[in-house]
């Protein structure tokens, strides 16, 4: 939303400047000229902002460790994130069975598309969730360098030693109290709408070591966003199923926690009824 507002303000400024200096608006019948100029300048301003972000992020080394999250780039990420969600045609329905307190939290969510963590970042931006993400996301132009500088954590797929280091960094962020952590226990996108991939239960060590609550989230419908865009709006359902308090898991193994979270997500996913009914409703 903020990026849209900035683009509109820039567009209005450029329109006024061109109209006045160019003497294009001399009569009421010429009202269509500034209107078209405003639309064109607003779109052009948005593209200009994207180009500037691309240039700025080109100088960021994603392989250089981040000692402390950059508030500037975290803000930039949230601006671009909100812009993409706004213009992607998402009709978001939020169902919270519990209310959150002050935080910080460890947010866990099932994984259907790249929009899953984007939506969580927007809905729960008050808690400043830093996502644990796969290596491929850090290679995406603009987004990759921005999330790297924001403090998002790269979880290696086949390097246990580095994975432990990432868990340690996540724990440190949580203990500092300023940021929350978000993670998809499945580890990668799941194409099976009515099932869940095996969990990477080691991720629950983060909540255990940091002593923070686990917020169990479930998303439905994000896998349809790209195929519906730009002609159809996509209904997306985000459920906050349960907040698991630290004392409820302090004596549990990570596999036990994983089983509990998985059961909660599985029940939520299947509560939306047969696949055919959900797909029809989402596409409507």
Protein backbone atom coordinates (compact mmCIF):
# COMPACT_ATOMS: atom_id res chain seq x y z
CA UNK A 1 0.00 0.00 0.00
CA UNK A 2 2.77 2.44 0.92
CA UNK A 3 4.57 1.85 -2.38
CA UNK A 4 1.31 2.54 -4.22
CA UNK A 5 0.83 5.78 -2.27
CA UNK A 6 4.42 6.86 -2.97
CA UNK A 7 3.96 6.11 -6.68
CA UNK A 8 0.67 8.07 -6.73
CA UNK A 9 2.26 11.08 -5.00
CA UNK A 10 5.19 11.03 -7.43
CA UNK A 11 2.75 10.63 -10.32
CA UNK A 12 0.71 13.64 -9.14
CA UNK A 13 3.87 15.71 -8.84
CA UNK A 14 5.11 14.82 -12.30
CA UNK A 15 1.64 15.43 -13.75
CA UNK A 16 1.39 18.89 -12.20
CA UNK A 17 4.90 19.78 -13.37
CA UNK A 18 4.35 18.61 -16.96
CA UNK A 19 0.88 20.19 -17.16
CA UNK A 20 2.00 23.59 -15.87
CA UNK A 21 5.30 23.81 -17.74
CA UNK A 22 3.89 22.36 -20.92
CA UNK A 23 0.71 24.44 -20.90
CA UNK A 24 -1.27 21.33 -21.75
CA UNK A 25 -4.39 22.18 -19.72
CA UNK A 26 -5.98 25.40 -20.96
CA UNK A 27 -9.68 24.53 -20.96
CA UNK A 28 -12.12 22.30 -19.07
CA UNK A 29 -12.41 20.16 -22.20
CA UNK A 30 -8.75 19.27 -21.76
CA UNK A 31 -9.37 17.57 -18.39
CA UNK A 32 -8.61 14.17 -19.95
CA UNK A 33 -4.97 15.23 -20.50
CA UNK A 34 -3.93 15.49 -16.81
CA UNK A 35 -5.94 12.36 -15.99
CA UNK A 36 -4.05 10.29 -18.57
CA UNK A 37 -0.80 11.94 -17.49
CA UNK A 38 -1.46 11.04 -13.86
CA UNK A 39 -2.09 7.38 -14.72
CA UNK A 40 1.00 7.21 -16.90
CA UNK A 41 3.22 9.05 -14.41
CA UNK A 42 2.01 6.88 -11.51
CA UNK A 43 2.82 3.67 -13.40
CA UNK A 44 6.12 5.17 -14.51
CA UNK A 45 6.95 6.17 -10.92
CA UNK A 46 6.30 2.62 -9.71
CA UNK A 47 8.59 1.25 -12.42
CA UNK A 48 11.22 3.84 -11.52
CA UNK A 49 11.12 2.78 -7.87
CA UNK A 50 11.57 -0.85 -8.91
CA UNK A 51 14.55 0.08 -11.11
CA UNK A 52 16.13 2.04 -8.25
CA UNK A 53 15.63 -0.90 -5.89
CA UNK A 54 17.19 -3.21 -8.47
CA UNK A 55 20.24 -0.98 -8.76
CA UNK A 56 20.56 -0.61 -4.98
CA UNK A 57 20.27 -4.34 -4.31
CA UNK A 58 22.79 -5.18 -7.04
CA UNK A 59 25.56 -4.04 -4.70
CA UNK A 60 24.50 -6.33 -1.84
CA UNK A 61 26.57 -9.47 -1.31
CA UNK A 62 24.12 -12.17 -0.23
CA UNK A 63 27.03 -14.42 0.80
CA UNK A 64 28.28 -11.95 3.39
CA UNK A 65 26.86 -12.75 6.87
CA UNK A 66 24.50 -10.20 8.41
CA UNK A 67 25.40 -9.43 12.01
CA UNK A 68 22.28 -7.38 12.65
CA UNK A 69 19.09 -7.00 10.59
CA UNK A 70 18.93 -3.74 8.62
CA UNK A 71 15.86 -1.75 9.63
CA UNK A 72 16.01 0.11 6.32
CA UNK A 73 15.93 -3.03 4.19
CA UNK A 74 13.36 -4.66 6.49
CA UNK A 75 11.16 -1.61 5.85
CA UNK A 76 11.82 -1.83 2.09
CA UNK A 77 10.91 -5.52 2.11
CA UNK A 78 7.60 -4.79 3.86
CA UNK A 79 6.77 -1.98 1.42
CA UNK A 80 7.40 -4.14 -1.66
CA UNK A 81 5.71 -7.12 0.00
CA UNK A 82 2.54 -5.11 0.69
CA UNK A 83 2.61 -3.76 -2.88
CA UNK A 84 2.79 -7.27 -4.39
CA UNK A 85 0.02 -8.61 -2.15
CA UNK A 86 -2.21 -5.61 -2.92
CA UNK A 87 -1.87 -6.02 -6.70
CA UNK A 88 -1.90 -9.81 -6.86
CA UNK A 89 -5.67 -10.04 -6.46
CA UNK A 90 -5.72 -11.75 -3.06
CA UNK A 91 -8.98 -11.79 -1.12
CA UNK A 92 -7.62 -12.71 2.31
CA UNK A 93 -9.81 -14.28 4.99
CA UNK A 94 -8.24 -14.46 8.46
CA UNK A 95 -9.56 -16.75 11.17
CA UNK A 96 -7.83 -16.47 14.54
CA UNK A 97 -8.85 -18.96 17.22
CA UNK A 98 -6.55 -17.23 19.70
CA UNK A 99 -5.26 -13.70 20.13
CA UNK A 100 -1.58 -12.91 20.29
CA UNK A 101 0.13 -10.93 23.03
CA UNK A 102 3.36 -8.98 22.89
CA UNK A 103 5.67 -11.63 21.40
CA UNK A 104 8.17 -12.54 20.18
CA UNK A 105 6.87 -15.75 18.59
CA UNK A 106 7.94 -18.57 16.34
CA UNK A 107 5.42 -18.69 13.49
CA UNK A 108 5.06 -22.03 11.68
CA UNK A 109 3.02 -22.46 8.52
CA UNK A 110 2.33 -25.03 5.83
CA UNK A 111 3.84 -24.23 2.44
CA UNK A 112 1.89 -23.92 -0.82
CA UNK A 113 3.55 -20.98 -2.61
CA UNK A 114 5.97 -18.10 -2.16
CA UNK A 115 3.02 -16.00 -1.05
CA UNK A 116 2.67 -17.97 2.22
CA UNK A 117 5.49 -16.23 4.07
CA UNK A 118 4.71 -12.91 2.36
CA UNK A 119 1.18 -13.00 3.77
CA UNK A 120 2.42 -13.93 7.24
CA UNK A 121 4.93 -11.06 7.09
CA UNK A 122 2.14 -8.60 6.25
CA UNK A 123 -0.54 -9.86 8.64
CA UNK A 124 1.83 -10.16 11.60
CA UNK A 125 4.22 -7.31 10.73
CA UNK A 126 3.79 -5.98 14.30
CA UNK A 127 5.95 -8.91 15.44
CA UNK A 128 8.62 -8.36 12.75
CA UNK A 129 8.89 -12.00 11.62
CA UNK A 130 12.23 -12.92 10.05
CA UNK A 131 11.70 -15.94 7.82
CA UNK A 132 13.93 -18.99 7.60
CA UNK A 133 14.10 -19.48 3.85
CA UNK A 134 15.57 -21.81 1.25
CA UNK A 135 18.71 -20.82 -0.73
CA UNK A 136 16.81 -20.23 -3.99
CA UNK A 137 14.86 -17.29 -2.55
CA UNK A 138 18.08 -15.38 -1.91
CA UNK A 139 18.89 -15.54 -5.64
CA UNK A 140 15.73 -13.68 -6.69
CA UNK A 141 16.56 -10.18 -8.03
CA UNK A 142 15.71 -7.35 -5.59
CA UNK A 143 13.90 -9.68 -3.17
CA UNK A 144 16.90 -11.92 -2.43
CA UNK A 145 19.36 -9.17 -1.41
CA UNK A 146 16.60 -7.31 0.45
CA UNK A 147 15.59 -10.27 2.62
CA UNK A 148 19.26 -11.06 3.23
CA UNK A 149 19.94 -7.59 4.61
CA UNK A 150 16.63 -7.72 6.51
CA UNK A 151 17.95 -10.64 8.54
CA UNK A 152 16.09 -13.51 6.89
CA UNK A 153 17.93 -16.75 7.53
CA UNK A 154 19.18 -19.09 4.83
CA UNK A 155 18.57 -22.71 5.78
CA UNK A 156 20.95 -25.07 3.90
CA UNK A 157 19.36 -28.30 2.72
CA UNK A 158 22.30 -30.67 3.12
CA UNK A 159 24.66 -29.04 5.63
CA UNK A 160 23.82 -30.02 9.25
CA UNK A 161 26.62 -27.87 10.69
CA UNK A 162 25.39 -24.69 9.01
CA UNK A 163 21.81 -25.62 9.86
CA UNK A 164 22.73 -25.62 13.55
CA UNK A 165 24.34 -22.20 13.10
CA UNK A 166 21.11 -20.88 11.54
CA UNK A 167 19.09 -22.28 14.45
CA UNK A 168 21.48 -20.56 16.85
CA UNK A 169 21.09 -17.24 15.03
CA UNK A 170 17.31 -17.55 15.11
CA UNK A 171 17.42 -18.22 18.85
CA UNK A 172 19.59 -15.13 19.36
CA UNK A 173 17.10 -12.96 17.45
CA UNK A 174 14.22 -14.25 19.57
CA UNK A 175 16.05 -13.75 22.84
CA UNK A 176 16.83 -10.15 21.90
CA UNK A 177 13.06 -9.65 21.79
CA UNK A 178 12.80 -7.31 18.80
CA UNK A 179 12.10 -9.90 16.09
CA UNK A 180 10.02 -13.04 15.71
CA UNK A 181 10.92 -16.03 13.51
CA UNK A 182 8.82 -17.62 10.78
CA UNK A 183 9.40 -21.03 9.22
CA UNK A 184 7.71 -23.67 7.04
CA UNK A 185 8.40 -27.07 8.66
CA UNK A 186 7.80 -28.87 5.34
CA UNK A 187 10.96 -27.23 4.00
CA UNK A 188 9.63 -26.80 0.46
CA UNK A 189 6.39 -26.18 -1.39
CA UNK A 190 3.78 -28.90 -1.23
CA UNK A 191 1.70 -29.59 -4.34
CA UNK A 192 -0.71 -31.98 -2.60
CA UNK A 193 -3.61 -29.87 -1.36
CA UNK A 194 -4.94 -32.37 1.17
CA UNK A 195 -1.69 -33.58 2.70
CA UNK A 196 1.52 -32.32 4.25
CA UNK A 197 5.11 -33.15 3.38
CA UNK A 198 7.31 -34.68 6.10
CA UNK A 199 8.37 -32.08 8.65
CA UNK A 200 11.93 -30.99 9.35
CA UNK A 201 11.41 -31.34 13.08
CA UNK A 202 14.78 -29.86 13.92
CA UNK A 203 13.28 -26.41 13.37
CA UNK A 204 11.37 -26.72 16.64
CA UNK A 205 14.69 -26.51 18.50
CA UNK A 206 14.40 -22.77 17.88
CA UNK A 207 11.30 -22.43 20.08
CA UNK A 208 12.67 -24.84 22.69
CA UNK A 209 15.98 -23.01 23.10
CA UNK A 210 14.52 -19.52 22.93
CA UNK A 211 11.60 -20.33 25.24
CA UNK A 212 9.00 -18.63 23.03
CA UNK A 213 5.46 -19.69 22.04
CA UNK A 214 4.83 -21.46 18.74
CA UNK A 215 2.08 -19.90 16.63
CA UNK A 216 0.58 -22.61 14.42
CA UNK A 217 -0.76 -21.15 11.17
CA UNK A 218 -2.44 -22.80 8.20
CA UNK A 219 -2.89 -21.35 4.73
CA UNK A 220 -5.21 -22.47 1.94
CA UNK A 221 -5.49 -21.08 -1.57
CA UNK A 222 -2.12 -19.41 -2.19
CA UNK A 223 -1.25 -22.03 -4.81
CA UNK A 224 -3.96 -20.51 -7.05
CA UNK A 225 -2.72 -16.90 -6.99
CA UNK A 226 -0.34 -17.02 -9.96
CA UNK A 227 -2.69 -19.00 -12.20
CA UNK A 228 -5.65 -16.69 -11.41
CA UNK A 229 -3.70 -13.45 -11.89
CA UNK A 230 -4.61 -11.01 -13.39
CA UNK A 231 -8.15 -11.98 -14.41
CA UNK A 232 -9.46 -13.55 -11.19
CA UNK A 233 -9.23 -12.65 -7.55
CA UNK A 234 -8.04 -15.49 -5.34
CA UNK A 235 -9.58 -16.32 -2.00
CA UNK A 236 -6.87 -17.17 0.50
CA UNK A 237 -7.60 -18.47 3.99
CA UNK A 238 -5.17 -17.91 6.84
CA UNK A 239 -6.00 -19.70 10.08
CA UNK A 240 -4.27 -19.12 13.40
CA UNK A 241 -4.99 -22.54 14.87
CA UNK A 242 -3.20 -22.51 18.20
CA UNK A 243 -0.54 -20.80 20.27
CA UNK A 244 1.58 -23.47 21.95
CA UNK A 245 3.11 -22.05 25.13
CA UNK A 246 6.74 -22.79 26.11
CA UNK A 247 5.72 -24.74 29.21
CA UNK A 248 3.64 -27.10 27.06
CA UNK A 249 6.70 -28.28 25.12
CA UNK A 250 9.69 -27.81 27.44
CA UNK A 251 9.96 -31.55 28.17
CA UNK A 252 9.04 -32.76 24.69
CA UNK A 253 11.25 -34.01 21.89
CA UNK A 254 11.17 -32.11 18.60
CA UNK A 255 9.49 -35.08 16.90
CA UNK A 256 6.61 -34.91 19.41
CA UNK A 257 6.18 -31.20 18.81
CA UNK A 258 6.25 -31.84 15.06
CA UNK A 259 3.54 -34.49 15.35
CA UNK A 260 1.30 -32.11 17.32
CA UNK A 261 1.77 -29.22 14.90
CA UNK A 262 1.32 -31.48 11.89
CA UNK A 263 -1.95 -32.88 13.29
CA UNK A 264 -3.30 -29.37 13.89
CA UNK A 265 -2.41 -28.25 10.36
CA UNK A 266 -3.77 -31.41 8.78
CA UNK A 267 -7.10 -31.02 10.56
CA UNK A 268 -7.35 -27.39 9.47
CA UNK A 269 -6.49 -28.14 5.84
CA UNK A 270 -9.16 -30.82 5.62
CA UNK A 271 -11.77 -28.74 7.44
CA UNK A 272 -12.36 -26.85 4.20
CA UNK A 273 -14.15 -29.83 2.71
CA UNK A 274 -13.54 -31.83 -0.50
CA UNK A 275 -10.93 -30.48 -2.89
CA UNK A 276 -13.49 -29.84 -5.63
CA UNK A 277 -15.61 -27.63 -3.33
CA UNK A 278 -12.67 -25.59 -2.08
CA UNK A 279 -11.24 -25.08 -5.57
CA UNK A 280 -14.62 -23.94 -6.85
CA UNK A 281 -15.01 -21.50 -3.94
CA UNK A 282 -11.45 -20.16 -4.31
CA UNK A 283 -11.86 -19.64 -8.05
CA UNK A 284 -15.21 -17.89 -7.60
